[in-house]
Amino acid sequence: MSQRAMIAATAAAVMSLSMVAPATAAQEKEKCFGIAKAGQNDCASISGAHSCAGQSKVDMDKMEWKYVAKGTCKDMKGLTAEEAKTAAKKG
């Protein structure tokens, strides 16, 4: 195999892995509400208070979330998205 063909094959393999890895990673994680420390949330608040990561103001705010390994949220005393939405409606 020529060096050019080897480089092309390697590049194709790397590109295909980069497309598959994010989908696999997303399947292995879940949003867990109420466990993020101030400034360490992963994205927008469920209440609409802000729209970006790292903008939470209070530790363990039930409207803020972080990605955690699937199946570990309850062990951390976190809430699912549905539970957080219900808490937002009550509060």
PDB file of N, CA and C in Angstrom:
ATOM      1  N   MET A   1       0.860  -1.178   0.000  1.00  0.00           N
ATOM      2  CA  MET A   1       0.000   0.000   0.000  1.00  0.00           C
ATOM      3  C   MET A   1       0.900   1.232   0.000  1.00  0.00           C
ATOM      4  N   SER A   2       0.584   2.185  -0.854  1.00  0.00           N
ATOM      5  CA  SER A   2       1.395   3.397  -0.933  1.00  0.00           C
ATOM      6  C   SER A   2       1.168   4.256   0.304  1.00  0.00           C
ATOM      7  N   GLN A   3       2.102   5.150   0.525  1.00  0.00           N
ATOM      8  CA  GLN A   3       1.990   6.039   1.688  1.00  0.00           C
ATOM      9  C   GLN A   3       0.752   6.928   1.567  1.00  0.00           C
ATOM     10  N   ARG A   4       0.460   7.388   0.378  1.00  0.00           N
ATOM     11  CA  ARG A   4      -0.713   8.239   0.155  1.00  0.00           C
ATOM     12  C   ARG A   4      -2.004   7.483   0.481  1.00  0.00           C
ATOM     13  N   ALA A   5      -2.106   6.231   0.051  1.00  0.00           N
ATOM     14  CA  ALA A   5      -3.287   5.421   0.330  1.00  0.00           C
ATOM     15  C   ALA A   5      -3.414   5.144   1.824  1.00  0.00           C
ATOM     16  N   MET A   6      -2.282   4.910   2.480  1.00  0.00           N
ATOM     17  CA  MET A   6      -2.286   4.648   3.923  1.00  0.00           C
ATOM     18  C   MET A   6      -2.791   5.872   4.687  1.00  0.00           C
ATOM     19  N   ILE A   7      -2.341   7.056   4.299  1.00  0.00           N
ATOM     20  CA  ILE A   7      -2.777   8.290   4.954  1.00  0.00           C
ATOM     21  C   ILE A   7      -4.271   8.515   4.721  1.00  0.00           C
ATOM     22  N   ALA A   8      -4.732   8.272   3.511  1.00  0.00           N
ATOM     23  CA  ALA A   8      -6.151   8.444   3.206  1.00  0.00           C
ATOM     24  C   ALA A   8      -7.009   7.472   4.008  1.00  0.00           C
ATOM     25  N   ALA A   9      -6.565   6.228   4.126  1.00  0.00           N
ATOM     26  CA  ALA A   9      -7.315   5.232   4.886  1.00  0.00           C
ATOM     27  C   ALA A   9      -7.356   5.598   6.364  1.00  0.00           C
ATOM     28  N   THR A  10      -6.248   6.073   6.896  1.00  0.00           N
ATOM     29  CA  THR A  10      -6.194   6.481   8.298  1.00  0.00           C
ATOM     30  C   THR A  10      -7.114   7.676   8.547  1.00  0.00           C
ATOM     31  N   ALA A  11      -7.080   8.647   7.656  1.00  0.00           N
ATOM     32  CA  ALA A  11      -7.942   9.825   7.803  1.00  0.00           C
ATOM     33  C   ALA A  11      -9.414   9.433   7.760  1.00  0.00           C
ATOM     34  N   ALA A  12      -9.765   8.538   6.859  1.00  0.00           N
ATOM     35  CA  ALA A  12     -11.154   8.084   6.760  1.00  0.00           C
ATOM     36  C   ALA A  12     -11.588   7.371   8.029  1.00  0.00           C
ATOM     37  N   ALA A  13     -10.717   6.557   8.599  1.00  0.00           N
ATOM     38  CA  ALA A  13     -11.038   5.838   9.832  1.00  0.00           C
ATOM     39  C   ALA A  13     -11.244   6.803  10.987  1.00  0.00           C
ATOM     40  N   VAL A  14     -10.369   7.780  11.098  1.00  0.00           N
ATOM     41  CA  VAL A  14     -10.488   8.766  12.174  1.00  0.00           C
ATOM     42  C   VAL A  14     -11.779   9.568  12.035  1.00  0.00           C
ATOM     43  N   MET A  15     -12.110   9.976  10.825  1.00  0.00           N
ATOM     44  CA  MET A  15     -13.332  10.742  10.606  1.00  0.00           C
ATOM     45  C   MET A  15     -14.576   9.917  10.928  1.00  0.00           C
ATOM     46  N   SER A  16     -14.579   8.653  10.568  1.00  0.00           N
ATOM     47  CA  SER A  16     -15.751   7.824  10.853  1.00  0.00           C
ATOM     48  C   SER A  16     -15.910   7.599  12.350  1.00  0.00           C
ATOM     49  N   LEU A  17     -14.814   7.450  13.073  1.00  0.00           N
ATOM     50  CA  LEU A  17     -14.896   7.287  14.528  1.00  0.00           C
ATOM     51  C   LEU A  17     -15.417   8.552  15.197  1.00  0.00           C
ATOM     52  N   SER A  18     -15.023   9.707  14.695  1.00  0.00           N
ATOM     53  CA  SER A  18     -15.479  10.949  15.316  1.00  0.00           C
ATOM     54  C   SER A  18     -16.974  11.158  15.114  1.00  0.00           C
ATOM     55  N   MET A  19     -17.547  10.574  14.083  1.00  0.00           N
ATOM     56  CA  MET A  19     -18.981  10.692  13.857  1.00  0.00           C
ATOM     57  C   MET A  19     -19.774   9.719  14.714  1.00  0.00           C
ATOM     58  N   VAL A  20     -19.213   8.589  15.047  1.00  0.00           N
ATOM     59  CA  VAL A  20     -19.899   7.571  15.834  1.00  0.00           C
ATOM     60  C   VAL A  20     -19.776   7.851  17.330  1.00  0.00           C
ATOM     61  N   ALA A  21     -18.657   8.336  17.787  1.00  0.00           N
ATOM     62  CA  ALA A  21     -18.394   8.530  19.207  1.00  0.00           C
ATOM     63  C   ALA A  21     -19.400   9.448  19.894  1.00  0.00           C
ATOM     64  N   PRO A  22     -19.761  10.617  19.332  1.00  0.00           N
ATOM     65  CA  PRO A  22     -20.724  11.463  20.037  1.00  0.00           C
ATOM     66  C   PRO A  22     -22.080  10.795  20.241  1.00  0.00           C
ATOM     67  N   ALA A  23     -22.548  10.039  19.283  1.00  0.00           N
ATOM     68  CA  ALA A  23     -23.833   9.363  19.436  1.00  0.00           C
ATOM     69  C   ALA A  23     -23.761   8.341  20.562  1.00  0.00           C
ATOM     70  N   THR A  24     -22.670   7.615  20.638  1.00  0.00           N
ATOM     71  CA  THR A  24     -22.494   6.634  21.698  1.00  0.00           C
ATOM     72  C   THR A  24     -22.401   7.321  23.052  1.00  0.00           C
ATOM     73  N   ALA A  25     -21.649   8.403  23.132  1.00  0.00           N
ATOM     74  CA  ALA A  25     -21.495   9.129  24.387  1.00  0.00           C
ATOM     75  C   ALA A  25     -22.823   9.683  24.870  1.00  0.00           C
ATOM     76  N   ALA A  26     -23.642  10.186  23.961  1.00  0.00           N
ATOM     77  CA  ALA A  26     -24.943  10.738  24.348  1.00  0.00           C
ATOM     78  C   ALA A  26     -25.859   9.655  24.913  1.00  0.00           C
ATOM     79  N   GLN A  27     -25.751   8.445  24.409  1.00  0.00           N
ATOM     80  CA  GLN A  27     -26.589   7.357  24.894  1.00  0.00           C
ATOM     81  C   GLN A  27     -26.179   6.914  26.289  1.00  0.00           C
ATOM     82  N   GLU A  28     -24.951   7.170  26.674  1.00  0.00           N
ATOM     83  CA  GLU A  28     -24.449   6.711  27.958  1.00  0.00           C
ATOM     84  C   GLU A  28     -24.625   7.745  29.063  1.00  0.00           C
ATOM     85  N   LYS A  29     -25.176   8.896  28.747  1.00  0.00           N
ATOM     86  CA  LYS A  29     -25.348   9.960  29.731  1.00  0.00           C
ATOM     87  C   LYS A  29     -26.815  10.376  29.807  1.00  0.00           C
ATOM     88  N   GLU A  30     -27.161  11.024  30.906  1.00  0.00           N
ATOM     89  CA  GLU A  30     -28.505  11.567  31.071  1.00  0.00           C
ATOM     90  C   GLU A  30     -28.418  12.889  31.814  1.00  0.00           C
ATOM     91  N   LYS A  31     -29.427  13.726  31.615  1.00  0.00           N
ATOM     92  CA  LYS A  31     -29.503  14.989  32.341  1.00  0.00           C
ATOM     93  C   LYS A  31     -29.955  14.692  33.756  1.00  0.00           C
ATOM     94  N   CYS A  32     -29.271  15.301  34.713  1.00  0.00           N
ATOM     95  CA  CYS A  32     -29.621  15.125  36.121  1.00  0.00           C
ATOM     96  C   CYS A  32     -29.782  16.517  36.734  1.00  0.00           C
ATOM     97  N   PHE A  33     -30.988  16.814  37.187  1.00  0.00           N
ATOM     98  CA  PHE A  33     -31.318  18.130  37.723  1.00  0.00           C
ATOM     99  C   PHE A  33     -31.101  18.169  39.228  1.00  0.00           C
ATOM    100  N   GLY A  34     -30.665  19.332  39.716  1.00  0.00           N
ATOM    101  CA  GLY A  34     -30.539  19.546  41.149  1.00  0.00           C
ATOM    102  C   GLY A  34     -29.223  19.095  41.752  1.00  0.00           C
ATOM    103  N   ILE A  35     -28.221  18.806  40.936  1.00  0.00           N
ATOM    104  CA  ILE A  35     -26.937  18.354  41.478  1.00  0.00           C
ATOM    105  C   ILE A  35     -25.778  19.286  41.137  1.00  0.00           C
ATOM    106  N   ALA A  36     -26.013  20.262  40.256  1.00  0.00           N
ATOM    107  CA  ALA A  36     -24.938  21.140  39.789  1.00  0.00           C
ATOM    108  C   ALA A  36     -24.593  22.191  40.844  1.00  0.00           C
ATOM    109  N   LYS A  37     -23.311  22.414  41.028  1.00  0.00           N
ATOM    110  CA  LYS A  37     -22.859  23.502  41.897  1.00  0.00           C
ATOM    111  C   LYS A  37     -22.930  24.800  41.103  1.00  0.00           C
ATOM    112  N   ALA A  38     -22.960  25.920  41.794  1.00  0.00           N
ATOM    113  CA  ALA A  38     -23.026  27.223  41.139  1.00  0.00           C
ATOM    114  C   ALA A  38     -21.915  27.342  40.101  1.00  0.00           C
ATOM    115  N   GLY A  39     -22.295  27.744  38.889  1.00  0.00           N
ATOM    116  CA  GLY A  39     -21.332  27.928  37.815  1.00  0.00           C
ATOM    117  C   GLY A  39     -20.882  26.659  37.129  1.00  0.00           C
ATOM    118  N   GLN A  40     -21.465  25.499  37.483  1.00  0.00           N
ATOM    119  CA  GLN A  40     -21.029  24.243  36.899  1.00  0.00           C
ATOM    120  C   GLN A  40     -22.144  23.483  36.188  1.00  0.00           C
ATOM    121  N   ASN A  41     -23.225  24.171  35.850  1.00  0.00           N
ATOM    122  CA  ASN A  41     -24.309  23.522  35.093  1.00  0.00           C
ATOM    123  C   ASN A  41     -23.848  23.287  33.657  1.00  0.00           C
ATOM    124  N   ASP A  42     -24.478  22.322  32.976  1.00  0.00           N
ATOM    125  CA  ASP A  42     -24.053  21.994  31.617  1.00  0.00           C
ATOM    126  C   ASP A  42     -24.765  22.782  30.532  1.00  0.00           C
ATOM    127  N   CYS A  43     -25.928  23.324  30.781  1.00  0.00           N
ATOM    128  CA  CYS A  43     -26.595  24.119  29.747  1.00  0.00           C
ATOM    129  C   CYS A  43     -27.738  24.927  30.359  1.00  0.00           C
ATOM    130  N   ALA A  44     -28.696  25.289  29.529  1.00  0.00           N
ATOM    131  CA  ALA A  44     -29.771  26.202  29.919  1.00  0.00           C
ATOM    132  C   ALA A  44     -30.571  25.720  31.131  1.00  0.00           C
ATOM    133  N   SER A  45     -31.026  26.675  31.897  1.00  0.00           N
ATOM    134  CA  SER A  45     -31.900  26.402  33.038  1.00  0.00           C
ATOM    135  C   SER A  45     -33.271  25.991  32.528  1.00  0.00           C
ATOM    136  N   ILE A  46     -33.905  25.048  33.203  1.00  0.00           N
ATOM    137  CA  ILE A  46     -35.244  24.614  32.803  1.00  0.00           C
ATOM    138  C   ILE A  46     -36.267  25.731  33.003  1.00  0.00           C
ATOM    139  N   SER A  47     -35.969  26.675  33.892  1.00  0.00           N
ATOM    140  CA  SER A  47     -36.888  27.781  34.155  1.00  0.00           C
ATOM    141  C   SER A  47     -36.720  28.926  33.164  1.00  0.00           C
ATOM    142  N   GLY A  48     -35.677  28.878  32.341  1.00  0.00           N
ATOM    143  CA  GLY A  48     -35.431  29.940  31.377  1.00  0.00           C
ATOM    144  C   GLY A  48     -34.649  31.110  31.952  1.00  0.00           C
ATOM    145  N   ALA A  49     -34.082  30.951  33.134  1.00  0.00           N
ATOM    146  CA  ALA A  49     -33.324  32.029  33.767  1.00  0.00           C
ATOM    147  C   ALA A  49     -32.073  32.398  32.972  1.00  0.00           C
ATOM    148  N   HIS A  50     -31.503  31.460  32.237  1.00  0.00           N
ATOM    149  CA  HIS A  50     -30.340  31.695  31.379  1.00  0.00           C
ATOM    150  C   HIS A  50     -30.296  30.601  30.318  1.00  0.00           C
ATOM    151  N   SER A  51     -29.439  30.782  29.334  1.00  0.00           N
ATOM    152  CA  SER A  51     -29.407  29.818  28.230  1.00  0.00           C
ATOM    153  C   SER A  51     -28.041  29.202  27.974  1.00  0.00           C
ATOM    154  N   CYS A  52     -27.126  29.295  28.925  1.00  0.00           N
ATOM    155  CA  CYS A  52     -25.778  28.762  28.688  1.00  0.00           C
ATOM    156  C   CYS A  52     -25.224  27.996  29.883  1.00  0.00           C
ATOM    157  N   ALA A  53     -24.221  27.191  29.578  1.00  0.00           N
ATOM    158  CA  ALA A  53     -23.516  26.442  30.615  1.00  0.00           C
ATOM    159  C   ALA A  53     -22.732  27.396  31.509  1.00  0.00           C
ATOM    160  N   GLY A  54     -22.557  27.002  32.756  1.00  0.00           N
ATOM    161  CA  GLY A  54     -21.745  27.764  33.685  1.00  0.00           C
ATOM    162  C   GLY A  54     -22.395  29.018  34.228  1.00  0.00           C
ATOM    163  N   GLN A  55     -23.694  29.174  34.072  1.00  0.00           N
ATOM    164  CA  GLN A  55     -24.346  30.391  34.532  1.00  0.00           C
ATOM    165  C   GLN A  55     -25.258  30.192  35.737  1.00  0.00           C
ATOM    166  N   SER A  56     -25.272  29.027  36.331  1.00  0.00           N
ATOM    167  CA  SER A  56     -26.104  28.825  37.519  1.00  0.00           C
ATOM    168  C   SER A  56     -25.531  29.651  38.667  1.00  0.00           C
ATOM    169  N   LYS A  57     -26.399  30.151  39.494  1.00  0.00           N
ATOM    170  CA  LYS A  57     -25.991  31.041  40.587  1.00  0.00           C
ATOM    171  C   LYS A  57     -26.006  30.370  41.957  1.00  0.00           C
ATOM    172  N   VAL A  58     -26.710  29.222  42.086  1.00  0.00           N
ATOM    173  CA  VAL A  58     -26.914  28.577  43.377  1.00  0.00           C
ATOM    174  C   VAL A  58     -26.530  27.103  43.287  1.00  0.00           C
ATOM    175  N   ASP A  59     -25.895  26.589  44.318  1.00  0.00           N
ATOM    176  CA  ASP A  59     -25.603  25.156  44.381  1.00  0.00           C
ATOM    177  C   ASP A  59     -26.898  24.358  44.450  1.00  0.00           C
ATOM    178  N   MET A  60     -26.949  23.260  43.738  1.00  0.00           N
ATOM    179  CA  MET A  60     -28.029  22.268  43.783  1.00  0.00           C
ATOM    180  C   MET A  60     -29.408  22.833  43.425  1.00  0.00           C
ATOM    181  N   ASP A  61     -29.450  23.842  42.577  1.00  0.00           N
ATOM    182  CA  ASP A  61     -30.721  24.412  42.109  1.00  0.00           C
ATOM    183  C   ASP A  61     -31.452  23.341  41.290  1.00  0.00           C
ATOM    184  N   LYS A  62     -32.685  23.065  41.612  1.00  0.00           N
ATOM    185  CA  LYS A  62     -33.459  22.017  40.937  1.00  0.00           C
ATOM    186  C   LYS A  62     -33.762  22.342  39.479  1.00  0.00           C
ATOM    187  N   MET A  63     -33.547  23.579  39.062  1.00  0.00           N
ATOM    188  CA  MET A  63     -33.791  23.974  37.672  1.00  0.00           C
ATOM    189  C   MET A  63     -32.537  23.833  36.806  1.00  0.00           C
ATOM    190  N   GLU A  64     -31.397  23.537  37.419  1.00  0.00           N
ATOM    191  CA  GLU A  64     -30.121  23.391  36.709  1.00  0.00           C
ATOM    192  C   GLU A  64     -29.757  21.916  36.577  1.00  0.00           C
ATOM    193  N   TRP A  65     -29.001  21.583  35.530  1.00  0.00           N
ATOM    194  CA  TRP A  65     -28.661  20.185  35.318  1.00  0.00           C
ATOM    195  C   TRP A  65     -27.225  20.001  34.856  1.00  0.00           C
ATOM    196  N   LYS A  66     -26.764  18.766  35.022  1.00  0.00           N
ATOM    197  CA  LYS A  66     -25.468  18.309  34.520  1.00  0.00           C
ATOM    198  C   LYS A  66     -25.685  16.950  33.878  1.00  0.00           C
ATOM    199  N   TYR A  67     -24.837  16.630  32.894  1.00  0.00           N
ATOM    200  CA  TYR A  67     -24.846  15.277  32.352  1.00  0.00           C
ATOM    201  C   TYR A  67     -24.126  14.364  33.327  1.00  0.00           C
ATOM    202  N   VAL A  68     -24.705  13.205  33.573  1.00  0.00           N
ATOM    203  CA  VAL A  68     -24.086  12.186  34.420  1.00  0.00           C
ATOM    204  C   VAL A  68     -24.201  10.841  33.714  1.00  0.00           C
ATOM    205  N   ALA A  69     -23.452   9.883  34.166  1.00  0.00           N
ATOM    206  CA  ALA A  69     -23.539   8.539  33.596  1.00  0.00           C
ATOM    207  C   ALA A  69     -24.956   8.008  33.784  1.00  0.00           C
ATOM    208  N   LYS A  70     -25.469   7.405  32.735  1.00  0.00           N
ATOM    209  CA  LYS A  70     -26.852   6.899  32.769  1.00  0.00           C
ATOM    210  C   LYS A  70     -27.033   5.946  33.951  1.00  0.00           C
ATOM    211  N   GLY A  71     -28.103   6.165  34.698  1.00  0.00           N
ATOM    212  CA  GLY A  71     -28.419   5.311  35.837  1.00  0.00           C
ATOM    213  C   GLY A  71     -27.840   5.772  37.162  1.00  0.00           C
ATOM    214  N   THR A  72     -27.103   6.904  37.176  1.00  0.00           N
ATOM    215  CA  THR A  72     -26.483   7.355  38.423  1.00  0.00           C
ATOM    216  C   THR A  72     -27.159   8.578  39.048  1.00  0.00           C
ATOM    217  N   CYS A  73     -28.094   9.190  38.350  1.00  0.00           N
ATOM    218  CA  CYS A  73     -28.714  10.425  38.831  1.00  0.00           C
ATOM    219  C   CYS A  73     -29.411  10.226  40.179  1.00  0.00           C
ATOM    220  N   LYS A  74     -30.202   9.191  40.306  1.00  0.00           N
ATOM    221  CA  LYS A  74     -30.934   8.956  41.562  1.00  0.00           C
ATOM    222  C   LYS A  74     -29.982   8.716  42.728  1.00  0.00           C
ATOM    223  N   ASP A  75     -28.839   8.072  42.460  1.00  0.00           N
ATOM    224  CA  ASP A  75     -27.846   7.841  43.513  1.00  0.00           C
ATOM    225  C   ASP A  75     -27.291   9.163  44.043  1.00  0.00           C
ATOM    226  N   MET A  76     -27.298  10.189  43.194  1.00  0.00           N
ATOM    227  CA  MET A  76     -26.799  11.514  43.574  1.00  0.00           C
ATOM    228  C   MET A  76     -27.894  12.406  44.131  1.00  0.00           C
ATOM    229  N   LYS A  77     -29.078  11.836  44.324  1.00  0.00           N
ATOM    230  CA  LYS A  77     -30.245  12.573  44.826  1.00  0.00           C
ATOM    231  C   LYS A  77     -30.728  13.614  43.821  1.00  0.00           C
ATOM    232  N   GLY A  78     -30.534  13.331  42.522  1.00  0.00           N
ATOM    233  CA  GLY A  78     -30.959  14.237  41.473  1.00  0.00           C
ATOM    234  C   GLY A  78     -32.368  13.942  40.992  1.00  0.00           C
ATOM    235  N   LEU A  79     -32.851  14.801  40.112  1.00  0.00           N
ATOM    236  CA  LEU A  79     -34.196  14.694  39.554  1.00  0.00           C
ATOM    237  C   LEU A  79     -34.122  14.441  38.053  1.00  0.00           C
ATOM    238  N   THR A  80     -35.125  13.769  37.528  1.00  0.00           N
ATOM    239  CA  THR A  80     -35.262  13.630  36.082  1.00  0.00           C
ATOM    240  C   THR A  80     -35.815  14.950  35.536  1.00  0.00           C
ATOM    241  N   ALA A  81     -35.838  15.090  34.219  1.00  0.00           N
ATOM    242  CA  ALA A  81     -36.389  16.298  33.601  1.00  0.00           C
ATOM    243  C   ALA A  81     -37.859  16.475  33.976  1.00  0.00           C
ATOM    244  N   GLU A  82     -38.615  15.380  33.972  1.00  0.00           N
ATOM    245  CA  GLU A  82     -40.049  15.463  34.319  1.00  0.00           C
ATOM    246  C   GLU A  82     -40.235  15.899  35.764  1.00  0.00           C
ATOM    247  N   GLU A  83     -39.440  15.360  36.670  1.00  0.00           N
ATOM    248  CA  GLU A  83     -39.536  15.748  38.085  1.00  0.00           C
ATOM    249  C   GLU A  83     -39.180  17.221  38.267  1.00  0.00           C
ATOM    250  N   ALA A  84     -38.164  17.696  37.539  1.00  0.00           N
ATOM    251  CA  ALA A  84     -37.753  19.096  37.631  1.00  0.00           C
ATOM    252  C   ALA A  84     -38.843  20.009  37.086  1.00  0.00           C
ATOM    253  N   LYS A  85     -39.489  19.599  35.987  1.00  0.00           N
ATOM    254  CA  LYS A  85     -40.587  20.409  35.425  1.00  0.00           C
ATOM    255  C   LYS A  85     -41.754  20.505  36.407  1.00  0.00           C
ATOM    256  N   THR A  86     -42.063  19.390  37.062  1.00  0.00           N
ATOM    257  CA  THR A  86     -43.128  19.386  38.058  1.00  0.00           C
ATOM    258  C   THR A  86     -42.772  20.305  39.217  1.00  0.00           C
ATOM    259  N   ALA A  87     -41.533  20.262  39.672  1.00  0.00           N
ATOM    260  CA  ALA A  87     -41.091  21.132  40.760  1.00  0.00           C
ATOM    261  C   ALA A  87     -41.149  22.593  40.350  1.00  0.00           C
ATOM    262  N   ALA A  88     -40.854  22.882  39.076  1.00  0.00           N
ATOM    263  CA  ALA A  88     -40.898  24.274  38.589  1.00  0.00           C
ATOM    264  C   ALA A  88     -42.336  24.790  38.590  1.00  0.00           C
ATOM    265  N   LYS A  89     -43.282  23.931  38.255  1.00  0.00           N
ATOM    266  CA  LYS A  89     -44.690  24.339  38.226  1.00  0.00           C
ATOM    267  C   LYS A  89     -45.199  24.619  39.635  1.00  0.00           C
ATOM    268  N   LYS A  90     -44.744  23.830  40.607  1.00  0.00           N
ATOM    269  CA  LYS A  90     -45.189  24.006  41.996  1.00  0.00           C
ATOM    270  C   LYS A  90     -44.576  25.252  42.625  1.00  0.00           C
ATOM    271  N   GLY A  91     -43.316  25.529  42.256  1.00  0.00           N
ATOM    272  CA  GLY A  91     -42.586  26.611  42.904  1.00  0.00           C
ATOM    273  C   GLY A  91     -42.690  27.875  42.194  1.00  0.00           C
TER     274      GLY A  91
END
